[in-house]
Amino acid sequence: MTGSKKTIDFVVNVIIHLVLISALIVTLVPLLTVVITSFRSEADLSRGPFSLPRDIRIFGNYIDAWERGRFGIYLKNSVYLTVVSVIGSLMVSTLAGYSFAKLHYPGRDICYYSLLISMMIPFQASMLPLYFILMNLKMLNSLNGVAMVQIAGSIGFNVMMMRSFFVSIPESMIEAARLDGCTEPKILFHIILPNTFPAWASLIVFSTLGSWNNLIGPMMFIFNENKYPIPYALYAFQSSFLTRYDLMSAAMLISIIPIFIVYIIFQRNFTTNLLGGAIKG
């Protein structure tokens, strides 16, 4: 019986490792192909994307991609849009999440579940109403208007995540602060928020990723090409008759670098919060 159990465990471990190795290959092969392509010349790339490179351009493609894609302009727009969206999401989701988790008032659960239901509405179904809202607010063709739309679009998930974190905070700690005479704002700013960084790390990573890669919203609500974000730069390398895959690959890697930096900065707290949420859930 023991031998049979060991055999089953061995087979299960082999299957798990095969699945993980397959997932790793599926993930890394496209990324490595993009990296290698970004260093190849256009003539060398014509021999096929999986052929061994012969003509290597270390910095040439990246310099050309930066200039042709106007990354100086689009990068500035994306950074501004991302910073405003992330700060706005942090403020709104933190206050709303604390309210739904720790405060008791009539209609609290109805408001919370209504917010969750809004997550089921696709962006494509709300684009036209959002267009008229921004038009009436005189925020069309502005990065601030798009940032407001991004904050509103991600608020359901962000509030749910922050509420889950606040629920895990012991009620005894809050009750002790109330008995000491602390008001709700003091409890929030002096007791709760200093312990909130792990949840903020996860929210910052998710919000940054969503804002940085967003293209539909800016192209829907912005009409000035000089205000477009960085995903628009990739259109500079393709036309009706030709696509410069070497420059496009370099541009893709340039656009990935800021997201990679953000993840590295918040990696430890981001991973800790996800594991903690999984264990508590």
C-alpha atoms as a PDB file:
ATOM      1  CA  MET A   1       0.000   0.000   0.000  1.00  0.00           C
ATOM      2  CA  THR A   2       2.883   2.321   0.859  1.00  0.00           C
ATOM      3  CA  GLY A   3       4.623   1.571  -2.435  1.00  0.00           C
ATOM      4  CA  SER A   4       1.433   2.277  -4.364  1.00  0.00           C
ATOM      5  CA  LYS A   5       1.055   5.664  -2.605  1.00  0.00           C
ATOM      6  CA  LYS A   6       4.667   6.558  -3.393  1.00  0.00           C
ATOM      7  CA  THR A   7       4.096   5.680  -7.046  1.00  0.00           C
ATOM      8  CA  ILE A   8       0.991   7.858  -7.188  1.00  0.00           C
ATOM      9  CA  ASP A   9       2.831  10.767  -5.534  1.00  0.00           C
ATOM     10  CA  PHE A  10       5.712  10.358  -7.984  1.00  0.00           C
ATOM     11  CA  VAL A  11       3.366  10.396 -10.990  1.00  0.00           C
ATOM     12  CA  VAL A  12       1.526  13.453  -9.648  1.00  0.00           C
ATOM     13  CA  ASN A  13       4.828  15.298  -9.094  1.00  0.00           C
ATOM     14  CA  VAL A  14       5.989  14.427 -12.614  1.00  0.00           C
ATOM     15  CA  ILE A  15       2.725  15.735 -14.101  1.00  0.00           C
ATOM     16  CA  ILE A  16       2.924  18.937 -12.047  1.00  0.00           C
ATOM     17  CA  HIS A  17       6.515  19.557 -13.121  1.00  0.00           C
ATOM     18  CA  LEU A  18       5.683  18.877 -16.770  1.00  0.00           C
ATOM     19  CA  VAL A  19       2.804  21.361 -16.632  1.00  0.00           C
ATOM     20  CA  LEU A  20       5.011  23.987 -14.975  1.00  0.00           C
ATOM     21  CA  ILE A  21       7.836  23.456 -17.469  1.00  0.00           C
ATOM     22  CA  SER A  22       5.363  23.728 -20.361  1.00  0.00           C
ATOM     23  CA  ALA A  23       3.955  26.961 -18.924  1.00  0.00           C
ATOM     24  CA  LEU A  24       7.498  28.299 -18.513  1.00  0.00           C
ATOM     25  CA  ILE A  25       8.345  27.491 -22.130  1.00  0.00           C
ATOM     26  CA  VAL A  26       5.140  29.061 -23.426  1.00  0.00           C
ATOM     27  CA  THR A  27       5.903  32.204 -21.397  1.00  0.00           C
ATOM     28  CA  LEU A  28       9.633  32.565 -22.077  1.00  0.00           C
ATOM     29  CA  VAL A  29       9.911  31.601 -25.753  1.00  0.00           C
ATOM     30  CA  PRO A  30       7.865  34.600 -27.050  1.00  0.00           C
ATOM     31  CA  LEU A  31       9.716  36.964 -24.702  1.00  0.00           C
ATOM     32  CA  LEU A  32      13.138  35.644 -25.749  1.00  0.00           C
ATOM     33  CA  THR A  33      12.094  35.902 -29.401  1.00  0.00           C
ATOM     34  CA  VAL A  34      11.200  39.574 -28.910  1.00  0.00           C
ATOM     35  CA  VAL A  35      14.502  40.250 -27.117  1.00  0.00           C
ATOM     36  CA  ILE A  36      16.587  38.583 -29.833  1.00  0.00           C
ATOM     37  CA  THR A  37      14.591  40.278 -32.602  1.00  0.00           C
ATOM     38  CA  SER A  38      15.194  43.690 -31.022  1.00  0.00           C
ATOM     39  CA  PHE A  39      18.957  43.262 -31.595  1.00  0.00           C
ATOM     40  CA  ARG A  40      18.751  42.039 -35.221  1.00  0.00           C
ATOM     41  CA  SER A  41      18.932  44.123 -38.362  1.00  0.00           C
ATOM     42  CA  GLU A  42      16.019  44.214 -40.800  1.00  0.00           C
ATOM     43  CA  ALA A  43      17.977  42.234 -43.414  1.00  0.00           C
ATOM     44  CA  ASP A  44      19.026  39.604 -40.878  1.00  0.00           C
ATOM     45  CA  LEU A  45      15.433  39.249 -39.661  1.00  0.00           C
ATOM     46  CA  SER A  46      14.260  38.418 -43.194  1.00  0.00           C
ATOM     47  CA  ARG A  47      15.902  34.984 -42.805  1.00  0.00           C
ATOM     48  CA  GLY A  48      13.259  34.093 -40.217  1.00  0.00           C
ATOM     49  CA  PRO A  49      12.579  34.949 -36.551  1.00  0.00           C
ATOM     50  CA  PHE A  50      13.949  31.614 -35.288  1.00  0.00           C
ATOM     51  CA  SER A  51      17.147  31.574 -37.340  1.00  0.00           C
ATOM     52  CA  LEU A  52      20.473  32.271 -35.649  1.00  0.00           C
ATOM     53  CA  PRO A  53      21.262  36.016 -35.769  1.00  0.00           C
ATOM     54  CA  ARG A  54      24.288  37.103 -37.787  1.00  0.00           C
ATOM     55  CA  ASP A  55      23.970  40.895 -37.994  1.00  0.00           C
ATOM     56  CA  ILE A  56      23.597  42.246 -34.439  1.00  0.00           C
ATOM     57  CA  ARG A  57      22.693  45.864 -33.626  1.00  0.00           C
ATOM     58  CA  ILE A  58      23.285  46.441 -29.919  1.00  0.00           C
ATOM     59  CA  PHE A  59      21.812  49.950 -29.594  1.00  0.00           C
ATOM     60  CA  GLY A  60      20.813  50.872 -33.155  1.00  0.00           C
ATOM     61  CA  ASN A  61      17.251  49.498 -33.075  1.00  0.00           C
ATOM     62  CA  TYR A  62      16.542  51.028 -29.670  1.00  0.00           C
ATOM     63  CA  ILE A  63      17.742  54.463 -30.782  1.00  0.00           C
ATOM     64  CA  ASP A  64      15.689  54.269 -34.000  1.00  0.00           C
ATOM     65  CA  ALA A  65      12.627  52.997 -32.116  1.00  0.00           C
ATOM     66  CA  TRP A  66      12.876  55.818 -29.577  1.00  0.00           C
ATOM     67  CA  GLU A  67      13.077  58.466 -32.297  1.00  0.00           C
ATOM     68  CA  ARG A  68      10.498  57.052 -34.712  1.00  0.00           C
ATOM     69  CA  GLY A  69       8.048  56.142 -31.968  1.00  0.00           C
ATOM     70  CA  ARG A  70       8.340  59.592 -30.339  1.00  0.00           C
ATOM     71  CA  PHE A  71       8.842  57.886 -27.009  1.00  0.00           C
ATOM     72  CA  GLY A  72       9.933  61.135 -25.381  1.00  0.00           C
ATOM     73  CA  ILE A  73       6.382  62.517 -25.745  1.00  0.00           C
ATOM     74  CA  TYR A  74       4.399  59.330 -25.190  1.00  0.00           C
ATOM     75  CA  LEU A  75       6.487  58.263 -22.192  1.00  0.00           C
ATOM     76  CA  LYS A  76       5.824  61.580 -20.468  1.00  0.00           C
ATOM     77  CA  ASN A  77       2.075  61.215 -21.111  1.00  0.00           C
ATOM     78  CA  SER A  78       2.005  57.638 -19.813  1.00  0.00           C
ATOM     79  CA  VAL A  79       3.948  58.517 -16.665  1.00  0.00           C
ATOM     80  CA  TYR A  80       1.586  61.405 -15.887  1.00  0.00           C
ATOM     81  CA  LEU A  81      -1.514  59.321 -16.626  1.00  0.00           C
ATOM     82  CA  THR A  82      -0.264  56.412 -14.525  1.00  0.00           C
ATOM     83  CA  VAL A  83       0.779  58.542 -11.541  1.00  0.00           C
ATOM     84  CA  VAL A  84      -2.570  60.369 -11.414  1.00  0.00           C
ATOM     85  CA  SER A  85      -4.537  57.123 -11.850  1.00  0.00           C
ATOM     86  CA  VAL A  86      -2.576  55.253  -9.187  1.00  0.00           C
ATOM     87  CA  ILE A  87      -2.767  58.066  -6.624  1.00  0.00           C
ATOM     88  CA  GLY A  88      -6.486  58.510  -7.268  1.00  0.00           C
ATOM     89  CA  SER A  89      -7.098  54.759  -6.988  1.00  0.00           C
ATOM     90  CA  LEU A  90      -5.136  54.587  -3.729  1.00  0.00           C
ATOM     91  CA  MET A  91      -7.120  57.398  -2.152  1.00  0.00           C
ATOM     92  CA  VAL A  92     -10.584  56.292  -3.245  1.00  0.00           C
ATOM     93  CA  SER A  93     -10.169  52.543  -2.737  1.00  0.00           C
ATOM     94  CA  THR A  94      -8.484  52.959   0.667  1.00  0.00           C
ATOM     95  CA  LEU A  95     -11.246  55.164   2.062  1.00  0.00           C
ATOM     96  CA  ALA A  96     -14.035  53.109   0.491  1.00  0.00           C
ATOM     97  CA  GLY A  97     -12.449  49.799   1.499  1.00  0.00           C
ATOM     98  CA  TYR A  98     -12.109  50.928   5.128  1.00  0.00           C
ATOM     99  CA  SER A  99     -15.679  52.176   5.126  1.00  0.00           C
ATOM    100  CA  PHE A 100     -17.081  48.895   3.810  1.00  0.00           C
ATOM    101  CA  ALA A 101     -14.911  46.811   6.158  1.00  0.00           C
ATOM    102  CA  LYS A 102     -15.008  48.631   9.499  1.00  0.00           C
ATOM    103  CA  LEU A 103     -17.837  51.166   9.565  1.00  0.00           C
ATOM    104  CA  HIS A 104     -21.478  50.237  10.157  1.00  0.00           C
ATOM    105  CA  TYR A 105     -24.225  52.280   8.519  1.00  0.00           C
ATOM    106  CA  PRO A 106     -27.522  51.596   6.699  1.00  0.00           C
ATOM    107  CA  GLY A 107     -27.108  50.409   3.097  1.00  0.00           C
ATOM    108  CA  ARG A 108     -23.411  49.571   3.448  1.00  0.00           C
ATOM    109  CA  ASP A 109     -23.697  46.052   2.017  1.00  0.00           C
ATOM    110  CA  ILE A 110     -26.035  47.202  -0.759  1.00  0.00           C
ATOM    111  CA  CYS A 111     -23.512  49.856  -1.834  1.00  0.00           C
ATOM    112  CA  TYR A 112     -20.649  47.364  -1.726  1.00  0.00           C
ATOM    113  CA  TYR A 113     -22.364  44.671  -3.776  1.00  0.00           C
ATOM    114  CA  SER A 114     -23.645  47.267  -6.235  1.00  0.00           C
ATOM    115  CA  LEU A 115     -20.022  48.289  -6.724  1.00  0.00           C
ATOM    116  CA  LEU A 116     -19.049  44.665  -7.351  1.00  0.00           C
ATOM    117  CA  ILE A 117     -21.871  44.250  -9.871  1.00  0.00           C
ATOM    118  CA  SER A 118     -20.466  47.219 -11.813  1.00  0.00           C
ATOM    119  CA  MET A 119     -17.341  45.121 -12.478  1.00  0.00           C
ATOM    120  CA  MET A 120     -19.447  42.926 -14.766  1.00  0.00           C
ATOM    121  CA  ILE A 121     -20.164  45.804 -17.164  1.00  0.00           C
ATOM    122  CA  PRO A 122     -17.608  45.764 -20.013  1.00  0.00           C
ATOM    123  CA  PHE A 123     -15.836  48.984 -20.892  1.00  0.00           C
ATOM    124  CA  GLN A 124     -17.191  48.819 -24.436  1.00  0.00           C
ATOM    125  CA  ALA A 125     -20.747  49.103 -23.075  1.00  0.00           C
ATOM    126  CA  SER A 126     -19.951  52.255 -21.103  1.00  0.00           C
ATOM    127  CA  MET A 127     -17.720  54.085 -23.595  1.00  0.00           C
ATOM    128  CA  LEU A 128     -20.507  56.229 -25.071  1.00  0.00           C
ATOM    129  CA  PRO A 129     -21.974  57.360 -21.707  1.00  0.00           C
ATOM    130  CA  LEU A 130     -18.444  58.116 -20.471  1.00  0.00           C
ATOM    131  CA  TYR A 131     -17.809  60.164 -23.607  1.00  0.00           C
ATOM    132  CA  PHE A 132     -20.817  62.393 -22.936  1.00  0.00           C
ATOM    133  CA  ILE A 133     -19.945  62.671 -19.238  1.00  0.00           C
ATOM    134  CA  LEU A 134     -16.433  63.873 -20.048  1.00  0.00           C
ATOM    135  CA  MET A 135     -17.829  66.213 -22.707  1.00  0.00           C
ATOM    136  CA  ASN A 136     -20.215  67.818 -20.194  1.00  0.00           C
ATOM    137  CA  LEU A 137     -17.384  68.106 -17.670  1.00  0.00           C
ATOM    138  CA  LYS A 138     -15.192  69.697 -20.391  1.00  0.00           C
ATOM    139  CA  MET A 139     -12.575  66.981 -19.823  1.00  0.00           C
ATOM    140  CA  LEU A 140     -12.471  65.498 -23.308  1.00  0.00           C
ATOM    141  CA  ASN A 141      -9.060  65.478 -24.984  1.00  0.00           C
ATOM    142  CA  SER A 142      -7.287  65.676 -21.620  1.00  0.00           C
ATOM    143  CA  LEU A 143      -5.125  63.236 -19.695  1.00  0.00           C
ATOM    144  CA  ASN A 144      -6.986  64.119 -16.491  1.00  0.00           C
ATOM    145  CA  GLY A 145     -10.265  63.007 -18.047  1.00  0.00           C
ATOM    146  CA  VAL A 146      -8.784  59.662 -19.077  1.00  0.00           C
ATOM    147  CA  ALA A 147      -7.253  59.259 -15.619  1.00  0.00           C
ATOM    148  CA  MET A 148     -10.673  59.803 -14.048  1.00  0.00           C
ATOM    149  CA  VAL A 149     -12.166  57.140 -16.321  1.00  0.00           C
ATOM    150  CA  GLN A 150      -9.373  54.709 -15.403  1.00  0.00           C
ATOM    151  CA  ILE A 151      -9.902  55.299 -11.694  1.00  0.00           C
ATOM    152  CA  ALA A 152     -13.636  54.714 -12.043  1.00  0.00           C
ATOM    153  CA  GLY A 153     -13.103  51.625 -14.193  1.00  0.00           C
ATOM    154  CA  SER A 154     -10.785  49.923 -11.708  1.00  0.00           C
ATOM    155  CA  ILE A 155     -12.497  51.033  -8.517  1.00  0.00           C
ATOM    156  CA  GLY A 156     -14.563  47.865  -8.099  1.00  0.00           C
ATOM    157  CA  PHE A 157     -11.586  45.512  -7.991  1.00  0.00           C
ATOM    158  CA  ASN A 158      -9.436  47.915  -5.980  1.00  0.00           C
ATOM    159  CA  VAL A 159     -12.097  48.483  -3.317  1.00  0.00           C
ATOM    160  CA  MET A 160     -12.701  44.740  -3.049  1.00  0.00           C
ATOM    161  CA  MET A 161      -8.983  44.140  -2.532  1.00  0.00           C
ATOM    162  CA  MET A 162      -8.604  46.890   0.080  1.00  0.00           C
ATOM    163  CA  ARG A 163     -11.756  45.787   1.905  1.00  0.00           C
ATOM    164  CA  SER A 164     -10.396  42.231   2.116  1.00  0.00           C
ATOM    165  CA  PHE A 165      -7.209  43.605   3.670  1.00  0.00           C
ATOM    166  CA  PHE A 166      -9.043  45.789   6.204  1.00  0.00           C
ATOM    167  CA  VAL A 167     -11.327  42.906   7.196  1.00  0.00           C
ATOM    168  CA  SER A 168      -8.207  40.984   8.309  1.00  0.00           C
ATOM    169  CA  ILE A 169      -7.286  43.738  10.798  1.00  0.00           C
ATOM    170  CA  PRO A 170      -8.472  42.732  14.315  1.00  0.00           C
ATOM    171  CA  GLU A 171     -11.526  44.574  15.574  1.00  0.00           C
ATOM    172  CA  SER A 172      -9.979  44.581  19.071  1.00  0.00           C
ATOM    173  CA  MET A 173      -7.269  46.984  17.908  1.00  0.00           C
ATOM    174  CA  ILE A 174      -9.849  49.446  16.566  1.00  0.00           C
ATOM    175  CA  GLU A 175     -12.098  49.102  19.606  1.00  0.00           C
ATOM    176  CA  ALA A 176      -9.151  49.802  21.914  1.00  0.00           C
ATOM    177  CA  ALA A 177      -8.404  52.980  19.965  1.00  0.00           C
ATOM    178  CA  ARG A 178     -12.042  54.057  20.205  1.00  0.00           C
ATOM    179  CA  LEU A 179     -12.045  53.471  23.974  1.00  0.00           C
ATOM    180  CA  ASP A 180      -8.965  55.696  24.188  1.00  0.00           C
ATOM    181  CA  GLY A 181     -10.977  58.479  22.571  1.00  0.00           C
ATOM    182  CA  CYS A 182      -9.653  58.268  19.008  1.00  0.00           C
ATOM    183  CA  THR A 183     -11.980  59.528  16.311  1.00  0.00           C
ATOM    184  CA  GLU A 184     -12.499  57.539  13.097  1.00  0.00           C
ATOM    185  CA  PRO A 185     -10.113  59.764  11.076  1.00  0.00           C
ATOM    186  CA  LYS A 186      -7.402  59.323  13.738  1.00  0.00           C
ATOM    187  CA  ILE A 187      -7.921  55.561  13.778  1.00  0.00           C
ATOM    188  CA  LEU A 188      -7.612  55.456   9.991  1.00  0.00           C
ATOM    189  CA  PHE A 189      -4.575  57.723   9.601  1.00  0.00           C
ATOM    190  CA  HIS A 190      -2.595  56.827  12.731  1.00  0.00           C
ATOM    191  CA  ILE A 191      -3.394  53.130  13.259  1.00  0.00           C
ATOM    192  CA  ILE A 192      -4.703  51.573  10.042  1.00  0.00           C
ATOM    193  CA  LEU A 193      -2.758  53.286   7.255  1.00  0.00           C
ATOM    194  CA  PRO A 194       0.743  52.678   8.712  1.00  0.00           C
ATOM    195  CA  ASN A 195       0.031  48.944   8.332  1.00  0.00           C
ATOM    196  CA  THR A 196      -1.480  49.184   4.855  1.00  0.00           C
ATOM    197  CA  PHE A 197       1.658  49.224   2.677  1.00  0.00           C
ATOM    198  CA  PRO A 198       1.505  45.512   1.657  1.00  0.00           C
ATOM    199  CA  ALA A 199      -2.020  46.023   0.291  1.00  0.00           C
ATOM    200  CA  TRP A 200      -0.971  49.286  -1.351  1.00  0.00           C
ATOM    201  CA  ALA A 201       1.937  47.502  -3.037  1.00  0.00           C
ATOM    202  CA  SER A 202      -0.464  45.080  -4.727  1.00  0.00           C
ATOM    203  CA  LEU A 203      -2.830  47.878  -5.690  1.00  0.00           C
ATOM    204  CA  ILE A 204       0.020  49.970  -7.126  1.00  0.00           C
ATOM    205  CA  VAL A 205       1.242  47.063  -9.276  1.00  0.00           C
ATOM    206  CA  PHE A 206      -2.236  46.236 -10.628  1.00  0.00           C
ATOM    207  CA  SER A 207      -3.197  49.889 -11.192  1.00  0.00           C
ATOM    208  CA  THR A 208       0.104  50.710 -12.882  1.00  0.00           C
ATOM    209  CA  LEU A 209      -0.195  47.720 -15.178  1.00  0.00           C
ATOM    210  CA  GLY A 210      -3.769  48.582 -16.150  1.00  0.00           C
ATOM    211  CA  SER A 211      -3.062  52.257 -16.740  1.00  0.00           C
ATOM    212  CA  TRP A 212       0.235  51.759 -18.576  1.00  0.00           C
ATOM    213  CA  ASN A 213      -1.206  49.259 -21.071  1.00  0.00           C
ATOM    214  CA  ASN A 214      -4.492  51.093 -21.637  1.00  0.00           C
ATOM    215  CA  LEU A 215      -4.927  52.167 -25.259  1.00  0.00           C
ATOM    216  CA  ILE A 216      -8.698  52.023 -25.938  1.00  0.00           C
ATOM    217  CA  GLY A 217      -9.572  54.724 -23.394  1.00  0.00           C
ATOM    218  CA  PRO A 218      -7.035  57.335 -24.549  1.00  0.00           C
ATOM    219  CA  MET A 219      -7.842  56.757 -28.219  1.00  0.00           C
ATOM    220  CA  MET A 220     -11.568  57.102 -27.440  1.00  0.00           C
ATOM    221  CA  PHE A 221     -11.384  60.300 -25.399  1.00  0.00           C
ATOM    222  CA  ILE A 222      -8.222  62.017 -26.717  1.00  0.00           C
ATOM    223  CA  PHE A 223      -7.962  63.530 -30.193  1.00  0.00           C
ATOM    224  CA  ASN A 224      -4.537  65.162 -30.000  1.00  0.00           C
ATOM    225  CA  GLU A 225      -1.778  62.735 -30.969  1.00  0.00           C
ATOM    226  CA  ASN A 226       0.680  64.540 -28.705  1.00  0.00           C
ATOM    227  CA  LYS A 227      -1.379  63.440 -25.693  1.00  0.00           C
ATOM    228  CA  TYR A 228      -1.451  59.713 -26.487  1.00  0.00           C
ATOM    229  CA  PRO A 229       0.225  57.234 -24.095  1.00  0.00           C
ATOM    230  CA  ILE A 230       3.088  54.882 -24.842  1.00  0.00           C
ATOM    231  CA  PRO A 231       1.103  51.947 -26.377  1.00  0.00           C
ATOM    232  CA  TYR A 232       0.309  54.246 -29.308  1.00  0.00           C
ATOM    233  CA  ALA A 233       4.029  54.427 -30.147  1.00  0.00           C
ATOM    234  CA  LEU A 234       3.915  50.844 -31.429  1.00  0.00           C
ATOM    235  CA  TYR A 235       1.754  51.971 -34.351  1.00  0.00           C
ATOM    236  CA  ALA A 236       4.714  53.911 -35.755  1.00  0.00           C
ATOM    237  CA  PHE A 237       6.385  50.695 -36.907  1.00  0.00           C
ATOM    238  CA  GLN A 238       3.620  49.212 -39.021  1.00  0.00           C
ATOM    239  CA  SER A 239       1.831  50.370 -42.124  1.00  0.00           C
ATOM    240  CA  SER A 240      -0.461  48.879 -44.742  1.00  0.00           C
ATOM    241  CA  PHE A 241       2.471  47.293 -46.584  1.00  0.00           C
ATOM    242  CA  LEU A 242       5.333  46.927 -44.097  1.00  0.00           C
ATOM    243  CA  THR A 243       5.948  46.104 -40.451  1.00  0.00           C
ATOM    244  CA  ARG A 244       9.352  46.736 -38.903  1.00  0.00           C
ATOM    245  CA  TYR A 245       9.483  43.849 -36.458  1.00  0.00           C
ATOM    246  CA  ASP A 246      13.008  44.713 -35.361  1.00  0.00           C
ATOM    247  CA  LEU A 247      12.024  48.231 -34.301  1.00  0.00           C
ATOM    248  CA  MET A 248       8.672  47.093 -32.922  1.00  0.00           C
ATOM    249  CA  SER A 249      10.410  44.527 -30.713  1.00  0.00           C
ATOM    250  CA  ALA A 250      12.775  47.197 -29.405  1.00  0.00           C
ATOM    251  CA  ALA A 251       9.812  49.507 -28.768  1.00  0.00           C
ATOM    252  CA  MET A 252       7.955  46.769 -26.895  1.00  0.00           C
ATOM    253  CA  LEU A 253      10.920  46.216 -24.590  1.00  0.00           C
ATOM    254  CA  ILE A 254      11.272  49.965 -23.999  1.00  0.00           C
ATOM    255  CA  SER A 255       7.608  50.134 -22.992  1.00  0.00           C
ATOM    256  CA  ILE A 256       8.006  47.139 -20.648  1.00  0.00           C
ATOM    257  CA  ILE A 257      10.954  48.552 -18.674  1.00  0.00           C
ATOM    258  CA  PRO A 258       8.936  50.986 -16.457  1.00  0.00           C
ATOM    259  CA  ILE A 259       6.449  48.233 -15.511  1.00  0.00           C
ATOM    260  CA  PHE A 260       9.335  45.899 -14.711  1.00  0.00           C
ATOM    261  CA  ILE A 261      10.919  48.547 -12.455  1.00  0.00           C
ATOM    262  CA  VAL A 262       7.640  49.087 -10.579  1.00  0.00           C
ATOM    263  CA  TYR A 263       7.239  45.349 -10.029  1.00  0.00           C
ATOM    264  CA  ILE A 264      10.818  44.979  -8.766  1.00  0.00           C
ATOM    265  CA  ILE A 265      10.306  47.830  -6.275  1.00  0.00           C
ATOM    266  CA  PHE A 266       7.074  46.409  -4.850  1.00  0.00           C
ATOM    267  CA  GLN A 267       7.739  42.709  -5.483  1.00  0.00           C
ATOM    268  CA  ARG A 268       8.293  41.654  -1.883  1.00  0.00           C
ATOM    269  CA  ASN A 269       5.201  43.321  -0.445  1.00  0.00           C
ATOM    270  CA  PHE A 270       3.145  42.408  -3.521  1.00  0.00           C
ATOM    271  CA  THR A 271       3.951  38.695  -3.142  1.00  0.00           C
ATOM    272  CA  THR A 272       3.467  38.773   0.633  1.00  0.00           C
ATOM    273  CA  ASN A 273       0.023  40.342   0.304  1.00  0.00           C
ATOM    274  CA  LEU A 274      -1.120  37.849  -2.323  1.00  0.00           C
ATOM    275  CA  LEU A 275       0.047  34.871  -0.251  1.00  0.00           C
ATOM    276  CA  GLY A 276      -1.481  36.337   2.876  1.00  0.00           C
ATOM    277  CA  GLY A 277      -4.807  36.843   1.126  1.00  0.00           C
ATOM    278  CA  ALA A 278      -4.735  33.288  -0.178  1.00  0.00           C
ATOM    279  CA  ILE A 279      -4.081  31.868   3.301  1.00  0.00           C
ATOM    280  CA  LYS A 280      -6.749  34.005   4.969  1.00  0.00           C
ATOM    281  CA  GLY A 281      -9.242  33.286   2.208  1.00  0.00           C
END
